[in-house]
Amino acid sequence: MIIAEPAYFIKSFIVDLNNAIKDLKASAGILLSQITWLGFCLMGILLVNSVCWAKFERASLGGYSLARLSWMFRKAKIAWSLLFIASVKRVLKQHGITEGTLVIDETDYRRAKRTKRIYKTHKQKDKKTGGYVNGQTIVFLLLVTNAITIPVGFAFYMPDPVFRSWKKNDDKLKKQGIAKKDRPVEPERNPDYPTKVQIALNLLQEFHVHHNDIRVQAVLADALYGEGHFMNQASKIFGGVQVISQLSNNQNILDRGQKKSVDHYFNSTNKGVNQIICIRGGEKIIATVSSARLKVDAHGVKRPLWT
């Protein structure tokens, strides 16, 4: 398929995008050459379903060279962060979105064996083979609404090599039965290597600052973010909204003054009842639901729990 010029709706989107960027920062508008390049790239993504300079070059029948397209991406002084914020604002406005639920998650991407020129690559456990690969980890933020689900923030995660080395050695010494007082102390965290929890909180704070006209109904995250600090801070950012995460089965809760594991409580004390639940899309299912408001020992506060 040949890329001649951007479709009308892409041209319209870029005009609106440029205006939105100028609203955020008057001096950060997109130049004419950048508008032409961006329009071509968006048209290329639409037609070849990929972000690949070589495919774009072939689709343009040599009208745009791989080197030229790549140079523009790497060297052009485009306010990329503002471009993303303005894009999200444009999409939310177009669909009339005024509220939604924020979801935090992360994903790993396999890369080549040699990754010196790829940003924030590190050694990862390969779930398919059980071995290790070089790859990138991206923590991302989604806005889930009744109409659409769109990404509204992301950041690359990279483990602290000093902390990672200490943790590996500490686990080894722990297995050997060496007491904690005789093992090397935990090193201080390097701010250049924020944890996934810190990255998630930063993404939530940035969304609150740049999209404060959107009413956040709740924040969802998986078990990694089920610690007290994250849940308290995430709720505080949006004025006390509910934060939903997961507790491990062996985590302790207090039931009438008695300490029990989550697994023991919901399998013996509170087994739940069957209810009809309507999931997204309108489908109805029968699920066994049990809930309670109990103090989570590690968090030091009461939280609503259900399974």
C-alpha atoms as a PDB file:
ATOM      1  CA  MET A   1       0.000   0.000   0.000  1.00  0.00           C
ATOM      2  CA  ILE A   2       1.343   3.457  -0.946  1.00  0.00           C
ATOM      3  CA  ILE A   3       1.457   6.333   1.523  1.00  0.00           C
ATOM      4  CA  ALA A   4       0.726   9.492  -0.425  1.00  0.00           C
ATOM      5  CA  GLU A   5      -0.385  12.047   2.145  1.00  0.00           C
ATOM      6  CA  PRO A   6      -2.086  11.882   5.547  1.00  0.00           C
ATOM      7  CA  ALA A   7      -5.821  11.286   5.687  1.00  0.00           C
ATOM      8  CA  TYR A   8      -8.061  14.220   6.523  1.00  0.00           C
ATOM      9  CA  PHE A   9      -8.793  13.031  10.082  1.00  0.00           C
ATOM     10  CA  ILE A  10      -5.050  12.720  10.787  1.00  0.00           C
ATOM     11  CA  LYS A  11      -4.442  16.280   9.560  1.00  0.00           C
ATOM     12  CA  SER A  12      -7.290  17.488  11.757  1.00  0.00           C
ATOM     13  CA  PHE A  13      -5.916  15.565  14.748  1.00  0.00           C
ATOM     14  CA  ILE A  14      -2.451  17.128  14.349  1.00  0.00           C
ATOM     15  CA  VAL A  15      -3.909  20.650  14.125  1.00  0.00           C
ATOM     16  CA  ASP A  16      -5.853  20.066  17.352  1.00  0.00           C
ATOM     17  CA  LEU A  17      -2.737  18.486  18.879  1.00  0.00           C
ATOM     18  CA  ASN A  18      -0.616  21.523  18.039  1.00  0.00           C
ATOM     19  CA  ASN A  19      -3.178  23.850  19.584  1.00  0.00           C
ATOM     20  CA  ALA A  20      -3.337  21.713  22.741  1.00  0.00           C
ATOM     21  CA  ILE A  21       0.474  21.779  23.066  1.00  0.00           C
ATOM     22  CA  LYS A  22       0.493  25.570  22.740  1.00  0.00           C
ATOM     23  CA  ASP A  23      -2.128  25.748  25.498  1.00  0.00           C
ATOM     24  CA  LEU A  24       0.218  23.761  27.735  1.00  0.00           C
ATOM     25  CA  LYS A  25       3.305  25.768  26.724  1.00  0.00           C
ATOM     26  CA  ALA A  26       3.140  28.629  24.241  1.00  0.00           C
ATOM     27  CA  SER A  27       6.710  28.149  22.978  1.00  0.00           C
ATOM     28  CA  ALA A  28       6.369  24.398  22.385  1.00  0.00           C
ATOM     29  CA  GLY A  29       4.328  24.297  19.171  1.00  0.00           C
ATOM     30  CA  ILE A  30       5.127  21.848  16.355  1.00  0.00           C
ATOM     31  CA  LEU A  31       7.068  23.189  13.343  1.00  0.00           C
ATOM     32  CA  LEU A  32       5.778  22.689   9.795  1.00  0.00           C
ATOM     33  CA  SER A  33       8.462  20.084   8.984  1.00  0.00           C
ATOM     34  CA  GLN A  34       7.586  18.234  12.186  1.00  0.00           C
ATOM     35  CA  ILE A  35       3.879  18.359  11.326  1.00  0.00           C
ATOM     36  CA  THR A  36       4.620  16.814   7.928  1.00  0.00           C
ATOM     37  CA  TRP A  37       6.785  14.103   9.487  1.00  0.00           C
ATOM     38  CA  LEU A  38       4.261  13.323  12.237  1.00  0.00           C
ATOM     39  CA  GLY A  39       1.397  13.111   9.763  1.00  0.00           C
ATOM     40  CA  PHE A  40       3.361  10.699   7.566  1.00  0.00           C
ATOM     41  CA  CYS A  41       4.257   8.511  10.564  1.00  0.00           C
ATOM     42  CA  LEU A  42       0.661   8.337  11.819  1.00  0.00           C
ATOM     43  CA  MET A  43      -0.490   7.418   8.335  1.00  0.00           C
ATOM     44  CA  GLY A  44       2.258   4.776   8.183  1.00  0.00           C
ATOM     45  CA  ILE A  45       1.221   3.231  11.496  1.00  0.00           C
ATOM     46  CA  LEU A  46      -2.376   3.089  10.295  1.00  0.00           C
ATOM     47  CA  LEU A  47      -1.491   1.353   7.017  1.00  0.00           C
ATOM     48  CA  VAL A  48       1.332  -1.057   7.968  1.00  0.00           C
ATOM     49  CA  ASN A  49       0.168  -1.632  11.586  1.00  0.00           C
ATOM     50  CA  SER A  50       3.697  -1.157  12.899  1.00  0.00           C
ATOM     51  CA  VAL A  51       6.241   1.468  13.958  1.00  0.00           C
ATOM     52  CA  CYS A  52       9.017   0.553  11.535  1.00  0.00           C
ATOM     53  CA  TRP A  53      11.029   3.070   9.494  1.00  0.00           C
ATOM     54  CA  ALA A  54      11.904   0.438   6.858  1.00  0.00           C
ATOM     55  CA  LYS A  55       8.227  -0.401   6.286  1.00  0.00           C
ATOM     56  CA  PHE A  56       7.382   3.303   6.100  1.00  0.00           C
ATOM     57  CA  GLU A  57      10.107   3.791   3.499  1.00  0.00           C
ATOM     58  CA  ARG A  58       8.789   0.959   1.336  1.00  0.00           C
ATOM     59  CA  ALA A  59       5.219   2.180   1.673  1.00  0.00           C
ATOM     60  CA  SER A  60       6.249   5.639   0.436  1.00  0.00           C
ATOM     61  CA  LEU A  61       8.021   4.106  -2.612  1.00  0.00           C
ATOM     62  CA  GLY A  62      11.225   5.885  -1.624  1.00  0.00           C
ATOM     63  CA  GLY A  63       9.586   9.243  -1.024  1.00  0.00           C
ATOM     64  CA  TYR A  64      10.892   9.142   2.555  1.00  0.00           C
ATOM     65  CA  SER A  65      14.162   7.385   3.384  1.00  0.00           C
ATOM     66  CA  LEU A  66      14.690   5.271   6.515  1.00  0.00           C
ATOM     67  CA  ALA A  67      17.616   7.477   7.556  1.00  0.00           C
ATOM     68  CA  ARG A  68      15.606  10.672   7.167  1.00  0.00           C
ATOM     69  CA  LEU A  69      12.652   9.363   9.147  1.00  0.00           C
ATOM     70  CA  SER A  70      14.888   7.992  11.904  1.00  0.00           C
ATOM     71  CA  TRP A  71      16.921  11.213  12.117  1.00  0.00           C
ATOM     72  CA  MET A  72      13.765  13.275  12.605  1.00  0.00           C
ATOM     73  CA  PHE A  73      12.677  11.015  15.451  1.00  0.00           C
ATOM     74  CA  ARG A  74      16.071  11.113  17.193  1.00  0.00           C
ATOM     75  CA  LYS A  75      17.147  14.709  16.579  1.00  0.00           C
ATOM     76  CA  ALA A  76      14.034  16.872  16.193  1.00  0.00           C
ATOM     77  CA  LYS A  77      13.393  19.145  19.159  1.00  0.00           C
ATOM     78  CA  ILE A  78       9.843  17.997  19.799  1.00  0.00           C
ATOM     79  CA  ALA A  79       8.350  18.331  23.299  1.00  0.00           C
ATOM     80  CA  TRP A  80       7.571  14.605  23.499  1.00  0.00           C
ATOM     81  CA  SER A  81       6.126  14.700  27.020  1.00  0.00           C
ATOM     82  CA  LEU A  82       3.768  17.534  26.075  1.00  0.00           C
ATOM     83  CA  LEU A  83       2.914  15.718  22.841  1.00  0.00           C
ATOM     84  CA  PHE A  84       1.721  12.703  24.821  1.00  0.00           C
ATOM     85  CA  ILE A  85      -0.246  14.777  27.337  1.00  0.00           C
ATOM     86  CA  ALA A  86      -1.894  16.795  24.550  1.00  0.00           C
ATOM     87  CA  SER A  87      -2.751  13.597  22.648  1.00  0.00           C
ATOM     88  CA  VAL A  88      -4.484  12.122  25.684  1.00  0.00           C
ATOM     89  CA  LYS A  89      -6.390  15.366  26.284  1.00  0.00           C
ATOM     90  CA  ARG A  90      -7.506  15.401  22.647  1.00  0.00           C
ATOM     91  CA  VAL A  91      -8.798  11.810  22.768  1.00  0.00           C
ATOM     92  CA  LEU A  92     -10.609  12.308  26.086  1.00  0.00           C
ATOM     93  CA  LYS A  93     -12.277  15.475  24.803  1.00  0.00           C
ATOM     94  CA  GLN A  94     -13.282  13.830  21.513  1.00  0.00           C
ATOM     95  CA  HIS A  95     -15.039  10.975  23.322  1.00  0.00           C
ATOM     96  CA  GLY A  96     -16.558  13.197  26.009  1.00  0.00           C
ATOM     97  CA  ILE A  97     -14.753  11.381  28.828  1.00  0.00           C
ATOM     98  CA  THR A  98     -15.148  13.044  32.232  1.00  0.00           C
ATOM     99  CA  GLU A  99     -14.574  10.115  34.621  1.00  0.00           C
ATOM    100  CA  GLY A 100     -13.043   6.655  34.804  1.00  0.00           C
ATOM    101  CA  THR A 101     -10.971   4.131  36.727  1.00  0.00           C
ATOM    102  CA  LEU A 102      -7.166   4.145  36.654  1.00  0.00           C
ATOM    103  CA  VAL A 103      -5.362   0.802  36.318  1.00  0.00           C
ATOM    104  CA  ILE A 104      -1.650   0.256  37.024  1.00  0.00           C
ATOM    105  CA  ASP A 105       0.181  -2.669  35.438  1.00  0.00           C
ATOM    106  CA  GLU A 106       3.552  -3.549  33.912  1.00  0.00           C
ATOM    107  CA  THR A 107       4.839  -5.668  31.055  1.00  0.00           C
ATOM    108  CA  ASP A 108       8.179  -7.108  29.920  1.00  0.00           C
ATOM    109  CA  TYR A 109       9.488  -6.937  26.354  1.00  0.00           C
ATOM    110  CA  ARG A 110      12.141  -9.313  25.045  1.00  0.00           C
ATOM    111  CA  ARG A 111      15.000  -7.634  23.196  1.00  0.00           C
ATOM    112  CA  ALA A 112      18.145  -8.769  21.368  1.00  0.00           C
ATOM    113  CA  LYS A 113      21.113 -10.489  23.008  1.00  0.00           C
ATOM    114  CA  ARG A 114      23.153  -7.301  22.710  1.00  0.00           C
ATOM    115  CA  THR A 115      21.231  -4.319  24.011  1.00  0.00           C
ATOM    116  CA  LYS A 116      23.847  -1.640  24.728  1.00  0.00           C
ATOM    117  CA  ARG A 117      22.000   0.893  22.569  1.00  0.00           C
ATOM    118  CA  ILE A 118      18.499   0.083  23.855  1.00  0.00           C
ATOM    119  CA  TYR A 119      17.156   2.189  26.718  1.00  0.00           C
ATOM    120  CA  LYS A 120      16.978   0.621  30.198  1.00  0.00           C
ATOM    121  CA  THR A 121      17.410  -3.017  29.221  1.00  0.00           C
ATOM    122  CA  HIS A 122      18.207  -5.536  31.935  1.00  0.00           C
ATOM    123  CA  LYS A 123      18.290  -9.267  32.587  1.00  0.00           C
ATOM    124  CA  GLN A 124      14.804 -10.745  32.918  1.00  0.00           C
ATOM    125  CA  LYS A 125      13.319 -14.137  33.712  1.00  0.00           C
ATOM    126  CA  ASP A 126      11.847 -15.634  30.529  1.00  0.00           C
ATOM    127  CA  LYS A 127       8.455 -17.113  31.444  1.00  0.00           C
ATOM    128  CA  LYS A 128       8.320 -19.225  28.270  1.00  0.00           C
ATOM    129  CA  THR A 129      11.684 -20.995  28.563  1.00  0.00           C
ATOM    130  CA  GLY A 130      12.521 -20.581  32.245  1.00  0.00           C
ATOM    131  CA  GLY A 131      15.835 -19.010  31.283  1.00  0.00           C
ATOM    132  CA  TYR A 132      16.934 -15.384  31.090  1.00  0.00           C
ATOM    133  CA  VAL A 133      16.769 -12.750  28.354  1.00  0.00           C
ATOM    134  CA  ASN A 134      17.622  -9.084  27.938  1.00  0.00           C
ATOM    135  CA  GLY A 135      14.547  -6.932  27.854  1.00  0.00           C
ATOM    136  CA  GLN A 136      12.710  -3.822  28.949  1.00  0.00           C
ATOM    137  CA  THR A 137      10.060  -3.400  31.632  1.00  0.00           C
ATOM    138  CA  ILE A 138       7.360  -0.766  31.201  1.00  0.00           C
ATOM    139  CA  VAL A 139       5.041   0.346  33.988  1.00  0.00           C
ATOM    140  CA  PHE A 140       1.902   1.816  32.431  1.00  0.00           C
ATOM    141  CA  LEU A 141      -1.270   3.584  33.480  1.00  0.00           C
ATOM    142  CA  LEU A 142      -4.640   2.943  31.804  1.00  0.00           C
ATOM    143  CA  LEU A 143      -7.865   4.905  32.063  1.00  0.00           C
ATOM    144  CA  VAL A 144     -10.852   2.548  31.872  1.00  0.00           C
ATOM    145  CA  THR A 145     -14.163   4.224  31.034  1.00  0.00           C
ATOM    146  CA  ASN A 146     -17.629   3.147  29.890  1.00  0.00           C
ATOM    147  CA  ALA A 147     -16.722   4.114  26.318  1.00  0.00           C
ATOM    148  CA  ILE A 148     -12.994   3.359  25.829  1.00  0.00           C
ATOM    149  CA  THR A 149      -9.837   2.150  27.546  1.00  0.00           C
ATOM    150  CA  ILE A 150      -6.700   4.144  26.708  1.00  0.00           C
ATOM    151  CA  PRO A 151      -3.098   4.390  27.995  1.00  0.00           C
ATOM    152  CA  VAL A 152      -2.569   7.684  29.816  1.00  0.00           C
ATOM    153  CA  GLY A 153       0.956   7.261  31.173  1.00  0.00           C
ATOM    154  CA  PHE A 154       4.021   5.027  31.093  1.00  0.00           C
ATOM    155  CA  ALA A 155       7.618   4.845  32.326  1.00  0.00           C
ATOM    156  CA  PHE A 156      10.515   2.419  31.960  1.00  0.00           C
ATOM    157  CA  TYR A 157      11.617   0.471  35.021  1.00  0.00           C
ATOM    158  CA  MET A 158      15.154  -0.737  35.643  1.00  0.00           C
ATOM    159  CA  PRO A 159      16.291  -2.515  38.834  1.00  0.00           C
ATOM    160  CA  ASP A 160      19.071  -0.978  40.910  1.00  0.00           C
ATOM    161  CA  PRO A 161      22.158  -3.141  40.114  1.00  0.00           C
ATOM    162  CA  VAL A 162      23.649  -2.539  43.591  1.00  0.00           C
ATOM    163  CA  PHE A 163      20.436  -3.484  45.397  1.00  0.00           C
ATOM    164  CA  ARG A 164      19.876  -6.443  43.075  1.00  0.00           C
ATOM    165  CA  SER A 165      23.367  -7.781  43.806  1.00  0.00           C
ATOM    166  CA  TRP A 166      22.849  -7.348  47.562  1.00  0.00           C
ATOM    167  CA  LYS A 167      19.453  -9.104  47.418  1.00  0.00           C
ATOM    168  CA  LYS A 168      20.894 -12.057  45.516  1.00  0.00           C
ATOM    169  CA  ASN A 169      23.725 -12.429  48.040  1.00  0.00           C
ATOM    170  CA  ASP A 170      21.384 -11.918  51.016  1.00  0.00           C
ATOM    171  CA  ASP A 171      19.045 -14.681  49.798  1.00  0.00           C
ATOM    172  CA  LYS A 172      22.022 -16.991  49.375  1.00  0.00           C
ATOM    173  CA  LEU A 173      23.304 -16.310  52.907  1.00  0.00           C
ATOM    174  CA  LYS A 174      19.782 -16.666  54.327  1.00  0.00           C
ATOM    175  CA  LYS A 175      19.509 -20.182  52.837  1.00  0.00           C
ATOM    176  CA  GLN A 176      22.812 -21.033  54.505  1.00  0.00           C
ATOM    177  CA  GLY A 177      21.254 -20.164  57.876  1.00  0.00           C
ATOM    178  CA  ILE A 178      23.339 -17.057  58.540  1.00  0.00           C
ATOM    179  CA  ALA A 179      21.634 -14.675  60.976  1.00  0.00           C
ATOM    180  CA  LYS A 180      20.517 -11.254  59.760  1.00  0.00           C
ATOM    181  CA  LYS A 181      22.958  -9.443  62.079  1.00  0.00           C
ATOM    182  CA  ASP A 182      25.839 -11.266  60.401  1.00  0.00           C
ATOM    183  CA  ARG A 183      24.727 -10.498  56.833  1.00  0.00           C
ATOM    184  CA  PRO A 184      25.602  -7.279  54.915  1.00  0.00           C
ATOM    185  CA  VAL A 185      23.126  -4.483  55.620  1.00  0.00           C
ATOM    186  CA  GLU A 186      20.663  -3.415  52.947  1.00  0.00           C
ATOM    187  CA  PRO A 187      22.130  -0.608  50.785  1.00  0.00           C
ATOM    188  CA  GLU A 188      20.360   2.729  50.450  1.00  0.00           C
ATOM    189  CA  ARG A 189      18.058   3.034  47.468  1.00  0.00           C
ATOM    190  CA  ASN A 190      19.489   4.951  44.521  1.00  0.00           C
ATOM    191  CA  PRO A 191      16.960   7.602  43.345  1.00  0.00           C
ATOM    192  CA  ASP A 192      18.121   7.001  39.768  1.00  0.00           C
ATOM    193  CA  TYR A 193      16.515   3.543  40.005  1.00  0.00           C
ATOM    194  CA  PRO A 194      12.982   4.067  41.385  1.00  0.00           C
ATOM    195  CA  THR A 195      10.971   0.991  42.308  1.00  0.00           C
ATOM    196  CA  LYS A 196       7.839   0.004  40.387  1.00  0.00           C
ATOM    197  CA  VAL A 197       5.746   1.314  43.276  1.00  0.00           C
ATOM    198  CA  GLN A 198       7.497   4.702  43.139  1.00  0.00           C
ATOM    199  CA  ILE A 199       7.045   4.839  39.352  1.00  0.00           C
ATOM    200  CA  ALA A 200       3.348   4.005  39.714  1.00  0.00           C
ATOM    201  CA  LEU A 201       2.822   6.784  42.254  1.00  0.00           C
ATOM    202  CA  ASN A 202       4.635   9.247  39.965  1.00  0.00           C
ATOM    203  CA  LEU A 203       2.368   8.272  37.053  1.00  0.00           C
ATOM    204  CA  LEU A 204      -0.731   8.764  39.209  1.00  0.00           C
ATOM    205  CA  GLN A 205       0.516  12.168  40.397  1.00  0.00           C
ATOM    206  CA  GLU A 206       1.273  13.274  36.822  1.00  0.00           C
ATOM    207  CA  PHE A 207      -2.205  12.231  35.690  1.00  0.00           C
ATOM    208  CA  HIS A 208      -3.758  14.191  38.546  1.00  0.00           C
ATOM    209  CA  VAL A 209      -1.754  17.314  37.620  1.00  0.00           C
ATOM    210  CA  HIS A 210      -2.366  17.225  33.852  1.00  0.00           C
ATOM    211  CA  HIS A 211      -5.924  15.825  33.807  1.00  0.00           C
ATOM    212  CA  ASN A 212      -7.507  17.240  36.952  1.00  0.00           C
ATOM    213  CA  ASP A 213     -10.779  17.686  35.048  1.00  0.00           C
ATOM    214  CA  ILE A 214     -11.215  13.892  34.958  1.00  0.00           C
ATOM    215  CA  ARG A 215     -12.956  12.418  38.012  1.00  0.00           C
ATOM    216  CA  VAL A 216     -11.105   9.283  39.126  1.00  0.00           C
ATOM    217  CA  GLN A 217     -13.568   6.748  40.532  1.00  0.00           C
ATOM    218  CA  ALA A 218     -10.996   4.203  41.782  1.00  0.00           C
ATOM    219  CA  VAL A 219      -7.426   2.984  41.319  1.00  0.00           C
ATOM    220  CA  LEU A 220      -6.743  -0.686  40.465  1.00  0.00           C
ATOM    221  CA  ALA A 221      -3.401  -2.507  40.705  1.00  0.00           C
ATOM    222  CA  ASP A 222      -2.175  -6.098  41.017  1.00  0.00           C
ATOM    223  CA  ALA A 223      -0.592  -7.812  44.031  1.00  0.00           C
ATOM    224  CA  LEU A 224       2.790  -6.081  43.587  1.00  0.00           C
ATOM    225  CA  TYR A 225       1.161  -2.795  44.624  1.00  0.00           C
ATOM    226  CA  GLY A 226      -0.832  -4.242  47.515  1.00  0.00           C
ATOM    227  CA  GLU A 227       1.388  -2.630  50.145  1.00  0.00           C
ATOM    228  CA  GLY A 228       0.077  -0.106  52.635  1.00  0.00           C
ATOM    229  CA  HIS A 229       2.251   2.826  51.487  1.00  0.00           C
ATOM    230  CA  PHE A 230       1.131   2.612  47.865  1.00  0.00           C
ATOM    231  CA  MET A 231      -2.560   2.236  48.719  1.00  0.00           C
ATOM    232  CA  ASN A 232      -2.506   5.158  51.162  1.00  0.00           C
ATOM    233  CA  GLN A 233      -0.603   7.495  48.816  1.00  0.00           C
ATOM    234  CA  ALA A 234      -2.591   6.568  45.706  1.00  0.00           C
ATOM    235  CA  SER A 235      -5.847   7.238  47.556  1.00  0.00           C
ATOM    236  CA  LYS A 236      -4.526  10.552  48.914  1.00  0.00           C
ATOM    237  CA  ILE A 237      -3.563  11.833  45.429  1.00  0.00           C
ATOM    238  CA  PHE A 238      -7.201  11.680  44.303  1.00  0.00           C
ATOM    239  CA  GLY A 239      -8.833  12.898  47.487  1.00  0.00           C
ATOM    240  CA  GLY A 240      -9.459   9.569  49.206  1.00  0.00           C
ATOM    241  CA  VAL A 241     -10.737   7.351  46.355  1.00  0.00           C
ATOM    242  CA  GLN A 242     -10.822   3.585  46.803  1.00  0.00           C
ATOM    243  CA  VAL A 243      -7.650   1.709  45.843  1.00  0.00           C
ATOM    244  CA  ILE A 244      -8.170  -1.950  44.904  1.00  0.00           C
ATOM    245  CA  SER A 245      -5.283  -4.422  44.941  1.00  0.00           C
ATOM    246  CA  GLN A 246      -4.523  -7.978  46.069  1.00  0.00           C
ATOM    247  CA  LEU A 247      -3.306  -9.514  49.313  1.00  0.00           C
ATOM    248  CA  SER A 248      -1.357 -12.763  49.395  1.00  0.00           C
ATOM    249  CA  ASN A 249      -3.138 -15.835  50.828  1.00  0.00           C
ATOM    250  CA  ASN A 250      -0.811 -16.004  53.829  1.00  0.00           C
ATOM    251  CA  GLN A 251      -1.097 -12.316  54.747  1.00  0.00           C
ATOM    252  CA  ASN A 252      -2.428 -11.766  58.254  1.00  0.00           C
ATOM    253  CA  ILE A 253      -5.647  -9.950  59.146  1.00  0.00           C
ATOM    254  CA  LEU A 254      -7.287  -9.354  62.538  1.00  0.00           C
ATOM    255  CA  ASP A 255     -10.769 -10.830  63.027  1.00  0.00           C
ATOM    256  CA  ARG A 256     -12.297  -9.939  66.415  1.00  0.00           C
ATOM    257  CA  GLY A 257      -8.853  -9.604  67.895  1.00  0.00           C
ATOM    258  CA  GLN A 258      -7.636 -12.914  66.495  1.00  0.00           C
ATOM    259  CA  LYS A 259      -4.849 -13.001  63.903  1.00  0.00           C
ATOM    260  CA  LYS A 260      -5.691 -15.170  60.882  1.00  0.00           C
ATOM    261  CA  SER A 261      -4.379 -15.587  57.371  1.00  0.00           C
ATOM    262  CA  VAL A 262      -6.520 -14.274  54.519  1.00  0.00           C
ATOM    263  CA  ASP A 263      -6.826 -17.821  53.163  1.00  0.00           C
ATOM    264  CA  HIS A 264      -8.020 -19.220  56.509  1.00  0.00           C
ATOM    265  CA  TYR A 265     -10.548 -16.431  57.039  1.00  0.00           C
ATOM    266  CA  PHE A 266     -12.278 -16.720  53.645  1.00  0.00           C
ATOM    267  CA  ASN A 267     -12.199 -20.546  53.540  1.00  0.00           C
ATOM    268  CA  SER A 268     -13.521 -21.163  57.051  1.00  0.00           C
ATOM    269  CA  THR A 269     -14.990 -18.088  58.746  1.00  0.00           C
ATOM    270  CA  ASN A 270     -16.529 -16.306  55.761  1.00  0.00           C
ATOM    271  CA  LYS A 271     -17.193 -18.646  52.822  1.00  0.00           C
ATOM    272  CA  GLY A 272     -19.444 -16.216  50.945  1.00  0.00           C
ATOM    273  CA  VAL A 273     -22.675 -16.546  48.984  1.00  0.00           C
ATOM    274  CA  ASN A 274     -23.568 -17.008  45.314  1.00  0.00           C
ATOM    275  CA  GLN A 275     -24.525 -13.843  43.439  1.00  0.00           C
ATOM    276  CA  ILE A 276     -25.338 -12.900  39.857  1.00  0.00           C
ATOM    277  CA  ILE A 277     -22.796 -10.370  38.592  1.00  0.00           C
ATOM    278  CA  CYS A 278     -22.961  -8.371  35.362  1.00  0.00           C
ATOM    279  CA  ILE A 279     -19.464  -8.038  33.894  1.00  0.00           C
ATOM    280  CA  ARG A 280     -18.340  -5.507  31.299  1.00  0.00           C
ATOM    281  CA  GLY A 281     -20.131  -6.112  28.024  1.00  0.00           C
ATOM    282  CA  GLY A 282     -23.417  -7.085  29.676  1.00  0.00           C
ATOM    283  CA  GLU A 283     -22.690 -10.795  30.262  1.00  0.00           C
ATOM    284  CA  LYS A 284     -24.059 -12.153  33.544  1.00  0.00           C
ATOM    285  CA  ILE A 285     -22.223 -14.799  35.586  1.00  0.00           C
ATOM    286  CA  ILE A 286     -22.779 -16.564  38.916  1.00  0.00           C
ATOM    287  CA  ALA A 287     -19.921 -15.960  41.372  1.00  0.00           C
ATOM    288  CA  THR A 288     -19.311 -16.819  45.008  1.00  0.00           C
ATOM    289  CA  VAL A 289     -18.680 -13.519  46.784  1.00  0.00           C
ATOM    290  CA  SER A 290     -17.576 -12.865  50.344  1.00  0.00           C
ATOM    291  CA  SER A 291     -16.516  -9.565  51.873  1.00  0.00           C
ATOM    292  CA  ALA A 292     -15.531  -7.978  55.160  1.00  0.00           C
ATOM    293  CA  ARG A 293     -13.881  -4.878  56.590  1.00  0.00           C
ATOM    294  CA  LEU A 294     -10.900  -6.024  58.645  1.00  0.00           C
ATOM    295  CA  LYS A 295      -7.578  -4.706  59.862  1.00  0.00           C
ATOM    296  CA  VAL A 296      -4.659  -5.788  57.665  1.00  0.00           C
ATOM    297  CA  ASP A 297      -1.794  -6.481  60.049  1.00  0.00           C
ATOM    298  CA  ALA A 298       1.005  -5.262  57.757  1.00  0.00           C
ATOM    299  CA  HIS A 299      -0.892  -2.073  56.827  1.00  0.00           C
ATOM    300  CA  GLY A 300      -1.948  -1.171  60.360  1.00  0.00           C
ATOM    301  CA  VAL A 301      -5.416  -0.036  59.179  1.00  0.00           C
ATOM    302  CA  LYS A 302      -8.805  -1.531  58.344  1.00  0.00           C
ATOM    303  CA  ARG A 303      -9.521  -2.216  54.684  1.00  0.00           C
ATOM    304  CA  PRO A 304     -12.525  -3.638  52.823  1.00  0.00           C
ATOM    305  CA  LEU A 305     -11.696  -7.179  51.680  1.00  0.00           C
ATOM    306  CA  TRP A 306     -13.534  -9.485  49.316  1.00  0.00           C
ATOM    307  CA  THR A 307     -12.980 -12.625  47.334  1.00  0.00           C
END
